[in-house]
Amino acid sequence: PLPAEVPLKNAPLERVIAQLRFPEILSVEQRDFVAP
């Protein structure tokens, strides 16, 4: 059965039904690329 709902103050999402996955971007692994 569905769990009881717990209202969150300023919740970022109301409901999530899927997650999208993308191919790896190897440059994202480099800290110098991500830092800015």
PDB file of all heavy atoms in Angstrom:
ATOM      1  N   PRO A   1       0.838  -1.201   0.000  1.00  0.00           N
ATOM      2  CA  PRO A   1       0.000   0.000   0.000  1.00  0.00           C
ATOM      3  C   PRO A   1       0.874   1.252   0.000  1.00  0.00           C
ATOM      4  O   PRO A   1       2.030   1.224   0.432  1.00  0.00           O
ATOM      5  CB  PRO A   1      -0.801  -0.103   1.301  1.00  0.00           C
ATOM      6  CG  PRO A   1      -0.191  -1.194   2.089  1.00  0.00           C
ATOM      7  CD  PRO A   1       0.700  -1.999   1.199  1.00  0.00           C
ATOM      8  N   LEU A   2       0.325   2.346  -0.505  1.00  0.00           N
ATOM      9  CA  LEU A   2       1.058   3.610  -0.548  1.00  0.00           C
ATOM     10  C   LEU A   2       1.389   4.074   0.862  1.00  0.00           C
ATOM     11  O   LEU A   2       0.556   3.968   1.765  1.00  0.00           O
ATOM     12  CB  LEU A   2       0.232   4.679  -1.251  1.00  0.00           C
ATOM     13  CG  LEU A   2      -0.001   4.489  -2.745  1.00  0.00           C
ATOM     14  CD1 LEU A   2      -0.956   5.552  -3.280  1.00  0.00           C
ATOM     15  CD2 LEU A   2       1.314   4.552  -3.494  1.00  0.00           C
ATOM     16  N   PRO A   3       2.595   4.598   1.076  1.00  0.00           N
ATOM     17  CA  PRO A   3       2.927   5.125   2.397  1.00  0.00           C
ATOM     18  C   PRO A   3       2.202   6.443   2.634  1.00  0.00           C
ATOM     19  O   PRO A   3       1.747   7.089   1.700  1.00  0.00           O
ATOM     20  CB  PRO A   3       4.437   5.346   2.316  1.00  0.00           C
ATOM     21  CG  PRO A   3       4.712   5.525   0.868  1.00  0.00           C
ATOM     22  CD  PRO A   3       3.694   4.699   0.136  1.00  0.00           C
ATOM     23  N   ALA A   4       2.124   6.822   3.887  1.00  0.00           N
ATOM     24  CA  ALA A   4       1.503   8.107   4.218  1.00  0.00           C
ATOM     25  C   ALA A   4       2.333   9.237   3.626  1.00  0.00           C
ATOM     26  O   ALA A   4       3.565   9.176   3.613  1.00  0.00           O
ATOM     27  CB  ALA A   4       1.405   8.261   5.732  1.00  0.00           C
ATOM     28  N   GLU A   5       1.673  10.261   3.111  1.00  0.00           N
ATOM     29  CA  GLU A   5       2.388  11.402   2.550  1.00  0.00           C
ATOM     30  C   GLU A   5       2.933  12.276   3.667  1.00  0.00           C
ATOM     31  O   GLU A   5       2.277  12.465   4.687  1.00  0.00           O
ATOM     32  CB  GLU A   5       1.470  12.218   1.648  1.00  0.00           C
ATOM     33  CG  GLU A   5       1.157  11.510   0.351  1.00  0.00           C
ATOM     34  CD  GLU A   5       0.548  12.430  -0.697  1.00  0.00           C
ATOM     35  OE1 GLU A   5       0.850  13.642  -0.685  1.00  0.00           O
ATOM     36  OE2 GLU A   5      -0.235  11.921  -1.499  1.00  0.00           O
ATOM     37  N   VAL A   6       4.131  12.777   3.460  1.00  0.00           N
ATOM     38  CA  VAL A   6       4.769  13.676   4.411  1.00  0.00           C
ATOM     39  C   VAL A   6       5.040  14.979   3.673  1.00  0.00           C
ATOM     40  O   VAL A   6       5.946  15.056   2.859  1.00  0.00           O
ATOM     41  CB  VAL A   6       6.089  13.083   4.948  1.00  0.00           C
ATOM     42  CG1 VAL A   6       6.759  14.052   5.907  1.00  0.00           C
ATOM     43  CG2 VAL A   6       5.843  11.738   5.589  1.00  0.00           C
ATOM     44  N   PRO A   7       4.233  16.007   3.906  1.00  0.00           N
ATOM     45  CA  PRO A   7       4.455  17.280   3.211  1.00  0.00           C
ATOM     46  C   PRO A   7       5.808  17.875   3.599  1.00  0.00           C
ATOM     47  O   PRO A   7       6.172  17.909   4.764  1.00  0.00           O
ATOM     48  CB  PRO A   7       3.323  18.180   3.702  1.00  0.00           C
ATOM     49  CG  PRO A   7       2.338  17.274   4.359  1.00  0.00           C
ATOM     50  CD  PRO A   7       3.092  16.059   4.791  1.00  0.00           C
ATOM     51  N   LEU A   8       6.557  18.300   2.604  1.00  0.00           N
ATOM     52  CA  LEU A   8       7.852  18.931   2.838  1.00  0.00           C
ATOM     53  C   LEU A   8       7.746  20.414   2.516  1.00  0.00           C
ATOM     54  O   LEU A   8       7.224  20.792   1.478  1.00  0.00           O
ATOM     55  CB  LEU A   8       8.921  18.297   1.947  1.00  0.00           C
ATOM     56  CG  LEU A   8       9.167  16.805   2.133  1.00  0.00           C
ATOM     57  CD1 LEU A   8      10.144  16.299   1.084  1.00  0.00           C
ATOM     58  CD2 LEU A   8       9.680  16.517   3.517  1.00  0.00           C
ATOM     59  N   LYS A   9       8.259  21.234   3.410  1.00  0.00           N
ATOM     60  CA  LYS A   9       8.278  22.658   3.164  1.00  0.00           C
ATOM     61  C   LYS A   9       9.277  22.931   2.045  1.00  0.00           C
ATOM     62  O   LYS A   9      10.405  22.453   2.096  1.00  0.00           O
ATOM     63  CB  LYS A   9       8.692  23.389   4.441  1.00  0.00           C
ATOM     64  CG  LYS A   9       8.658  24.882   4.311  1.00  0.00           C
ATOM     65  CD  LYS A   9       9.022  25.536   5.624  1.00  0.00           C
ATOM     66  CE  LYS A   9       8.990  27.032   5.471  1.00  0.00           C
ATOM     67  NZ  LYS A   9       9.324  27.716   6.711  1.00  0.00           N
ATOM     68  N   ASN A  10       8.858  23.631   1.015  1.00  0.00           N
ATOM     69  CA  ASN A  10       9.708  23.962  -0.133  1.00  0.00           C
ATOM     70  C   ASN A  10      10.251  22.718  -0.842  1.00  0.00           C
ATOM     71  O   ASN A  10      11.427  22.656  -1.201  1.00  0.00           O
ATOM     72  CB  ASN A  10      10.875  24.861   0.287  1.00  0.00           C
ATOM     73  CG  ASN A  10      10.402  26.161   0.880  1.00  0.00           C
ATOM     74  OD1 ASN A  10       9.429  26.743   0.422  1.00  0.00           O
ATOM     75  ND2 ASN A  10      11.061  26.604   1.928  1.00  0.00           N
ATOM     76  N   ALA A  11       9.412  21.710  -1.007  1.00  0.00           N
ATOM     77  CA  ALA A  11       9.842  20.490  -1.690  1.00  0.00           C
ATOM     78  C   ALA A  11      10.245  20.808  -3.131  1.00  0.00           C
ATOM     79  O   ALA A  11       9.520  21.510  -3.840  1.00  0.00           O
ATOM     80  CB  ALA A  11       8.715  19.466  -1.682  1.00  0.00           C
ATOM     81  N   PRO A  12      11.406  20.313  -3.596  1.00  0.00           N
ATOM     82  CA  PRO A  12      11.854  20.637  -4.942  1.00  0.00           C
ATOM     83  C   PRO A  12      11.053  19.927  -6.030  1.00  0.00           C
ATOM     84  O   PRO A  12      10.909  20.448  -7.125  1.00  0.00           O
ATOM     85  CB  PRO A  12      13.303  20.179  -4.953  1.00  0.00           C
ATOM     86  CG  PRO A  12      13.367  19.124  -3.907  1.00  0.00           C
ATOM     87  CD  PRO A  12      12.364  19.511  -2.870  1.00  0.00           C
ATOM     88  N   LEU A  13      10.531  18.756  -5.730  1.00  0.00           N
ATOM     89  CA  LEU A  13       9.753  17.997  -6.700  1.00  0.00           C
ATOM     90  C   LEU A  13       8.465  17.522  -6.048  1.00  0.00           C
ATOM     91  O   LEU A  13       8.440  17.169  -4.885  1.00  0.00           O
ATOM     92  CB  LEU A  13      10.534  16.771  -7.182  1.00  0.00           C
ATOM     93  CG  LEU A  13      11.871  17.034  -7.853  1.00  0.00           C
ATOM     94  CD1 LEU A  13      12.588  15.715  -8.090  1.00  0.00           C
ATOM     95  CD2 LEU A  13      11.685  17.771  -9.156  1.00  0.00           C
ATOM     96  N   GLU A  14       7.420  17.491  -6.835  1.00  0.00           N
ATOM     97  CA  GLU A  14       6.168  16.971  -6.299  1.00  0.00           C
ATOM     98  C   GLU A  14       6.084  15.469  -6.509  1.00  0.00           C
ATOM     99  O   GLU A  14       5.668  14.719  -5.642  1.00  0.00           O
ATOM    100  CB  GLU A  14       4.976  17.645  -6.985  1.00  0.00           C
ATOM    101  CG  GLU A  14       3.652  17.205  -6.407  1.00  0.00           C
ATOM    102  CD  GLU A  14       2.504  17.982  -6.983  1.00  0.00           C
ATOM    103  OE1 GLU A  14       2.620  19.192  -7.185  1.00  0.00           O
ATOM    104  OE2 GLU A  14       1.473  17.342  -7.234  1.00  0.00           O
ATOM    105  N   ARG A  15       6.493  15.017  -7.687  1.00  0.00           N
ATOM    106  CA  ARG A  15       6.429  13.595  -7.999  1.00  0.00           C
ATOM    107  C   ARG A  15       7.444  13.276  -9.090  1.00  0.00           C
ATOM    108  O   ARG A  15       7.613  14.037 -10.017  1.00  0.00           O
ATOM    109  CB  ARG A  15       5.022  13.257  -8.500  1.00  0.00           C
ATOM    110  CG  ARG A  15       4.783  11.792  -8.681  1.00  0.00           C
ATOM    111  CD  ARG A  15       3.318  11.519  -8.742  1.00  0.00           C
ATOM    112  NE  ARG A  15       2.774  11.953  -7.449  1.00  0.00           N
ATOM    113  CZ  ARG A  15       1.499  12.029  -7.151  1.00  0.00           C
ATOM    114  NH1 ARG A  15       0.605  11.712  -8.040  1.00  0.00           N
ATOM    115  NH2 ARG A  15       1.090  12.428  -5.977  1.00  0.00           N
ATOM    116  N   VAL A  16       8.114  12.157  -8.960  1.00  0.00           N
ATOM    117  CA  VAL A  16       9.070  11.712  -9.970  1.00  0.00           C
ATOM    118  C   VAL A  16       8.612  10.350 -10.458  1.00  0.00           C
ATOM    119  O   VAL A  16       8.379   9.447  -9.668  1.00  0.00           O
ATOM    120  CB  VAL A  16      10.496  11.606  -9.385  1.00  0.00           C
ATOM    121  CG1 VAL A  16      11.456  11.048 -10.408  1.00  0.00           C
ATOM    122  CG2 VAL A  16      10.951  12.961  -8.893  1.00  0.00           C
ATOM    123  N   ILE A  17       8.472  10.219 -11.779  1.00  0.00           N
ATOM    124  CA  ILE A  17       8.011   8.939 -12.316  1.00  0.00           C
ATOM    125  C   ILE A  17       9.043   8.286 -13.230  1.00  0.00           C
ATOM    126  O   ILE A  17       8.857   7.164 -13.663  1.00  0.00           O
ATOM    127  CB  ILE A  17       6.675   9.085 -13.069  1.00  0.00           C
ATOM    128  CG1 ILE A  17       6.801  10.106 -14.192  1.00  0.00           C
ATOM    129  CG2 ILE A  17       5.566   9.457 -12.117  1.00  0.00           C
ATOM    130  CD1 ILE A  17       5.594  10.182 -15.093  1.00  0.00           C
ATOM    131  N   ALA A  18      10.124   8.961 -13.527  1.00  0.00           N
ATOM    132  CA  ALA A  18      11.141   8.390 -14.403  1.00  0.00           C
ATOM    133  C   ALA A  18      12.470   9.090 -14.186  1.00  0.00           C
ATOM    134  O   ALA A  18      12.532  10.193 -13.664  1.00  0.00           O
ATOM    135  CB  ALA A  18      10.723   8.534 -15.863  1.00  0.00           C
ATOM    136  N   GLN A  19      13.525   8.427 -14.603  1.00  0.00           N
ATOM    137  CA  GLN A  19      14.850   9.017 -14.583  1.00  0.00           C
ATOM    138  C   GLN A  19      15.443   8.834 -15.965  1.00  0.00           C
ATOM    139  O   GLN A  19      15.434   7.731 -16.502  1.00  0.00           O
ATOM    140  CB  GLN A  19      15.738   8.325 -13.547  1.00  0.00           C
ATOM    141  CG  GLN A  19      17.134   8.885 -13.509  1.00  0.00           C
ATOM    142  CD  GLN A  19      18.029   8.142 -12.535  1.00  0.00           C
ATOM    143  OE1 GLN A  19      17.848   6.972 -12.281  1.00  0.00           O
ATOM    144  NE2 GLN A  19      19.010   8.845 -11.996  1.00  0.00           N
ATOM    145  N   LEU A  20      15.917   9.915 -16.546  1.00  0.00           N
ATOM    146  CA  LEU A  20      16.543   9.849 -17.857  1.00  0.00           C
ATOM    147  C   LEU A  20      18.028   9.615 -17.694  1.00  0.00           C
ATOM    148  O   LEU A  20      18.662  10.213 -16.835  1.00  0.00           O
ATOM    149  CB  LEU A  20      16.321  11.145 -18.633  1.00  0.00           C
ATOM    150  CG  LEU A  20      14.880  11.508 -18.920  1.00  0.00           C
ATOM    151  CD1 LEU A  20      14.815  12.830 -19.657  1.00  0.00           C
ATOM    152  CD2 LEU A  20      14.204  10.425 -19.733  1.00  0.00           C
ATOM    153  N   ARG A  21      18.569   8.764 -18.518  1.00  0.00           N
ATOM    154  CA  ARG A  21      20.005   8.486 -18.493  1.00  0.00           C
ATOM    155  C   ARG A  21      20.604   8.883 -19.823  1.00  0.00           C
ATOM    156  O   ARG A  21      20.018   8.648 -20.868  1.00  0.00           O
ATOM    157  CB  ARG A  21      20.245   6.994 -18.241  1.00  0.00           C
ATOM    158  CG  ARG A  21      19.595   6.451 -16.973  1.00  0.00           C
ATOM    159  CD  ARG A  21      20.188   7.051 -15.738  1.00  0.00           C
ATOM    160  NE  ARG A  21      21.533   6.601 -15.573  1.00  0.00           N
ATOM    161  CZ  ARG A  21      22.050   6.134 -14.469  1.00  0.00           C
ATOM    162  NH1 ARG A  21      21.321   6.064 -13.398  1.00  0.00           N
ATOM    163  NH2 ARG A  21      23.290   5.743 -14.421  1.00  0.00           N
ATOM    164  N   PHE A  22      21.768   9.476 -19.786  1.00  0.00           N
ATOM    165  CA  PHE A  22      22.454   9.929 -20.978  1.00  0.00           C
ATOM    166  C   PHE A  22      23.796   9.228 -21.079  1.00  0.00           C
ATOM    167  O   PHE A  22      24.354   8.800 -20.070  1.00  0.00           O
ATOM    168  CB  PHE A  22      22.647  11.448 -20.934  1.00  0.00           C
ATOM    169  CG  PHE A  22      21.361  12.201 -20.916  1.00  0.00           C
ATOM    170  CD1 PHE A  22      20.782  12.593 -19.726  1.00  0.00           C
ATOM    171  CD2 PHE A  22      20.711  12.504 -22.103  1.00  0.00           C
ATOM    172  CE1 PHE A  22      19.586  13.290 -19.710  1.00  0.00           C
ATOM    173  CE2 PHE A  22      19.512  13.195 -22.095  1.00  0.00           C
ATOM    174  CZ  PHE A  22      18.950  13.584 -20.903  1.00  0.00           C
ATOM    175  N   PRO A  23      24.367   9.152 -22.288  1.00  0.00           N
ATOM    176  CA  PRO A  23      25.698   8.555 -22.420  1.00  0.00           C
ATOM    177  C   PRO A  23      26.716   9.335 -21.584  1.00  0.00           C
ATOM    178  O   PRO A  23      26.539  10.525 -21.331  1.00  0.00           O
ATOM    179  CB  PRO A  23      26.019   8.701 -23.908  1.00  0.00           C
ATOM    180  CG  PRO A  23      24.722   8.971 -24.580  1.00  0.00           C
ATOM    181  CD  PRO A  23      23.821   9.603 -23.555  1.00  0.00           C
ATOM    182  N   GLU A  24      27.765   8.641 -21.178  1.00  0.00           N
ATOM    183  CA  GLU A  24      28.808   9.289 -20.380  1.00  0.00           C
ATOM    184  C   GLU A  24      29.502  10.387 -21.180  1.00  0.00           C
ATOM    185  O   GLU A  24      29.722  10.249 -22.373  1.00  0.00           O
ATOM    186  CB  GLU A  24      29.863   8.274 -19.956  1.00  0.00           C
ATOM    187  CG  GLU A  24      29.424   7.396 -18.830  1.00  0.00           C
ATOM    188  CD  GLU A  24      30.570   6.557 -18.306  1.00  0.00           C
ATOM    189  OE1 GLU A  24      31.705   7.070 -18.167  1.00  0.00           O
ATOM    190  OE2 GLU A  24      30.328   5.380 -18.039  1.00  0.00           O
ATOM    191  N   ILE A  25      29.806  11.468 -20.492  1.00  0.00           N
ATOM    192  CA  ILE A  25      30.623  12.541 -21.056  1.00  0.00           C
ATOM    193  C   ILE A  25      31.885  12.556 -20.206  1.00  0.00           C
ATOM    194  O   ILE A  25      31.868  13.010 -19.062  1.00  0.00           O
ATOM    195  CB  ILE A  25      29.894  13.896 -21.009  1.00  0.00           C
ATOM    196  CG1 ILE A  25      28.583  13.805 -21.773  1.00  0.00           C
ATOM    197  CG2 ILE A  25      30.789  15.005 -21.545  1.00  0.00           C
ATOM    198  CD1 ILE A  25      27.700  15.019 -21.614  1.00  0.00           C
ATOM    199  N   LEU A  26      32.941  12.013 -20.735  1.00  0.00           N
ATOM    200  CA  LEU A  26      34.145  11.809 -19.937  1.00  0.00           C
ATOM    201  C   LEU A  26      34.743  13.104 -19.416  1.00  0.00           C
ATOM    202  O   LEU A  26      35.364  13.113 -18.358  1.00  0.00           O
ATOM    203  CB  LEU A  26      35.176  11.013 -20.738  1.00  0.00           C
ATOM    204  CG  LEU A  26      34.712   9.595 -21.107  1.00  0.00           C
ATOM    205  CD1 LEU A  26      35.782   8.894 -21.929  1.00  0.00           C
ATOM    206  CD2 LEU A  26      34.376   8.790 -19.872  1.00  0.00           C
ATOM    207  N   SER A  27      34.550  14.215 -20.121  1.00  0.00           N
ATOM    208  CA  SER A  27      35.116  15.472 -19.632  1.00  0.00           C
ATOM    209  C   SER A  27      34.483  15.907 -18.312  1.00  0.00           C
ATOM    210  O   SER A  27      35.085  16.656 -17.552  1.00  0.00           O
ATOM    211  CB  SER A  27      34.971  16.577 -20.682  1.00  0.00           C
ATOM    212  OG  SER A  27      33.613  16.796 -20.982  1.00  0.00           O
ATOM    213  N   VAL A  28      33.284  15.417 -18.019  1.00  0.00           N
ATOM    214  CA  VAL A  28      32.628  15.757 -16.754  1.00  0.00           C
ATOM    215  C   VAL A  28      33.382  15.133 -15.582  1.00  0.00           C
ATOM    216  O   VAL A  28      33.317  15.618 -14.462  1.00  0.00           O
ATOM    217  CB  VAL A  28      31.143  15.315 -16.778  1.00  0.00           C
ATOM    218  CG1 VAL A  28      30.490  15.477 -15.434  1.00  0.00           C
ATOM    219  CG2 VAL A  28      30.383  16.094 -17.833  1.00  0.00           C
ATOM    220  N   GLU A  29      34.134  14.074 -15.838  1.00  0.00           N
ATOM    221  CA  GLU A  29      34.926  13.434 -14.789  1.00  0.00           C
ATOM    222  C   GLU A  29      36.103  14.314 -14.353  1.00  0.00           C
ATOM    223  O   GLU A  29      36.675  14.105 -13.302  1.00  0.00           O
ATOM    224  CB  GLU A  29      35.462  12.084 -15.273  1.00  0.00           C
ATOM    225  CG  GLU A  29      34.391  11.057 -15.560  1.00  0.00           C
ATOM    226  CD  GLU A  29      33.801  10.446 -14.308  1.00  0.00           C
ATOM    227  OE1 GLU A  29      34.523  10.347 -13.300  1.00  0.00           O
ATOM    228  OE2 GLU A  29      32.618  10.085 -14.348  1.00  0.00           O
ATOM    229  N   GLN A  30      36.474  15.291 -15.172  1.00  0.00           N
ATOM    230  CA  GLN A  30      37.630  16.132 -14.864  1.00  0.00           C
ATOM    231  C   GLN A  30      37.192  17.309 -13.990  1.00  0.00           C
ATOM    232  O   GLN A  30      36.325  18.088 -14.357  1.00  0.00           O
ATOM    233  CB  GLN A  30      38.250  16.647 -16.165  1.00  0.00           C
ATOM    234  CG  GLN A  30      38.729  15.532 -17.071  1.00  0.00           C
ATOM    235  CD  GLN A  30      39.139  16.046 -18.439  1.00  0.00           C
ATOM    236  OE1 GLN A  30      39.236  17.247 -18.657  1.00  0.00           O
ATOM    237  NE2 GLN A  30      39.374  15.129 -19.351  1.00  0.00           N
ATOM    238  N   ARG A  31      37.817  17.439 -12.832  1.00  0.00           N
ATOM    239  CA  ARG A  31      37.444  18.496 -11.884  1.00  0.00           C
ATOM    240  C   ARG A  31      37.580  19.890 -12.489  1.00  0.00           C
ATOM    241  O   ARG A  31      36.795  20.773 -12.207  1.00  0.00           O
ATOM    242  CB  ARG A  31      38.266  18.375 -10.615  1.00  0.00           C
ATOM    243  CG  ARG A  31      37.914  17.143  -9.807  1.00  0.00           C
ATOM    244  CD  ARG A  31      38.739  17.083  -8.528  1.00  0.00           C
ATOM    245  NE  ARG A  31      38.420  15.895  -7.787  1.00  0.00           N
ATOM    246  CZ  ARG A  31      37.528  15.862  -6.792  1.00  0.00           C
ATOM    247  NH1 ARG A  31      36.885  16.941  -6.455  1.00  0.00           N
ATOM    248  NH2 ARG A  31      37.288  14.735  -6.157  1.00  0.00           N
ATOM    249  N   ASP A  32      38.595  20.103 -13.327  1.00  0.00           N
ATOM    250  CA  ASP A  32      38.776  21.416 -13.946  1.00  0.00           C
ATOM    251  C   ASP A  32      37.611  21.784 -14.853  1.00  0.00           C
ATOM    252  O   ASP A  32      37.303  22.957 -15.045  1.00  0.00           O
ATOM    253  CB  ASP A  32      40.075  21.459 -14.756  1.00  0.00           C
ATOM    254  CG  ASP A  32      41.309  21.386 -13.869  1.00  0.00           C
ATOM    255  OD1 ASP A  32      41.173  21.617 -12.650  1.00  0.00           O
ATOM    256  OD2 ASP A  32      42.399  21.107 -14.399  1.00  0.00           O
ATOM    257  N   PHE A  33      36.975  20.796 -15.419  1.00  0.00           N
ATOM    258  CA  PHE A  33      35.831  21.029 -16.300  1.00  0.00           C
ATOM    259  C   PHE A  33      34.580  21.381 -15.489  1.00  0.00           C
ATOM    260  O   PHE A  33      33.800  22.242 -15.861  1.00  0.00           O
ATOM    261  CB  PHE A  33      35.575  19.774 -17.149  1.00  0.00           C
ATOM    262  CG  PHE A  33      34.393  19.892 -18.076  1.00  0.00           C
ATOM    263  CD1 PHE A  33      34.515  20.534 -19.301  1.00  0.00           C
ATOM    264  CD2 PHE A  33      33.164  19.353 -17.733  1.00  0.00           C
ATOM    265  CE1 PHE A  33      33.437  20.635 -20.155  1.00  0.00           C
ATOM    266  CE2 PHE A  33      32.081  19.457 -18.578  1.00  0.00           C
ATOM    267  CZ  PHE A  33      32.219  20.096 -19.804  1.00  0.00           C
ATOM    268  N   VAL A  34      34.412  20.708 -14.358  1.00  0.00           N
ATOM    269  CA  VAL A  34      33.204  20.858 -13.545  1.00  0.00           C
ATOM    270  C   VAL A  34      33.269  22.076 -12.618  1.00  0.00           C
ATOM    271  O   VAL A  34      32.249  22.676 -12.303  1.00  0.00           O
ATOM    272  CB  VAL A  34      32.954  19.573 -12.718  1.00  0.00           C
ATOM    273  CG1 VAL A  34      31.759  19.714 -11.809  1.00  0.00           C
ATOM    274  CG2 VAL A  34      32.788  18.376 -13.629  1.00  0.00           C
ATOM    275  N   ALA A  35      34.453  22.459 -12.181  1.00  0.00           N
ATOM    276  CA  ALA A  35      34.614  23.505 -11.166  1.00  0.00           C
ATOM    277  C   ALA A  35      33.907  24.822 -11.491  1.00  0.00           C
ATOM    278  O   ALA A  35      33.207  25.367 -10.622  1.00  0.00           O
ATOM    279  CB  ALA A  35      36.094  23.747 -10.889  1.00  0.00           C
ATOM    280  N   PRO A  36      34.017  25.396 -12.694  1.00  0.00           N
ATOM    281  CA  PRO A  36      33.319  26.661 -12.959  1.00  0.00           C
ATOM    282  C   PRO A  36      31.801  26.534 -12.848  1.00  0.00           C
ATOM    283  O   PRO A  36      31.134  27.429 -12.321  1.00  0.00           O
ATOM    284  CB  PRO A  36      33.727  27.013 -14.395  1.00  0.00           C
ATOM    285  CG  PRO A  36      34.991  26.273 -14.640  1.00  0.00           C
ATOM    286  CD  PRO A  36      34.890  25.020 -13.825  1.00  0.00           C
TER     287      PRO A  36
END
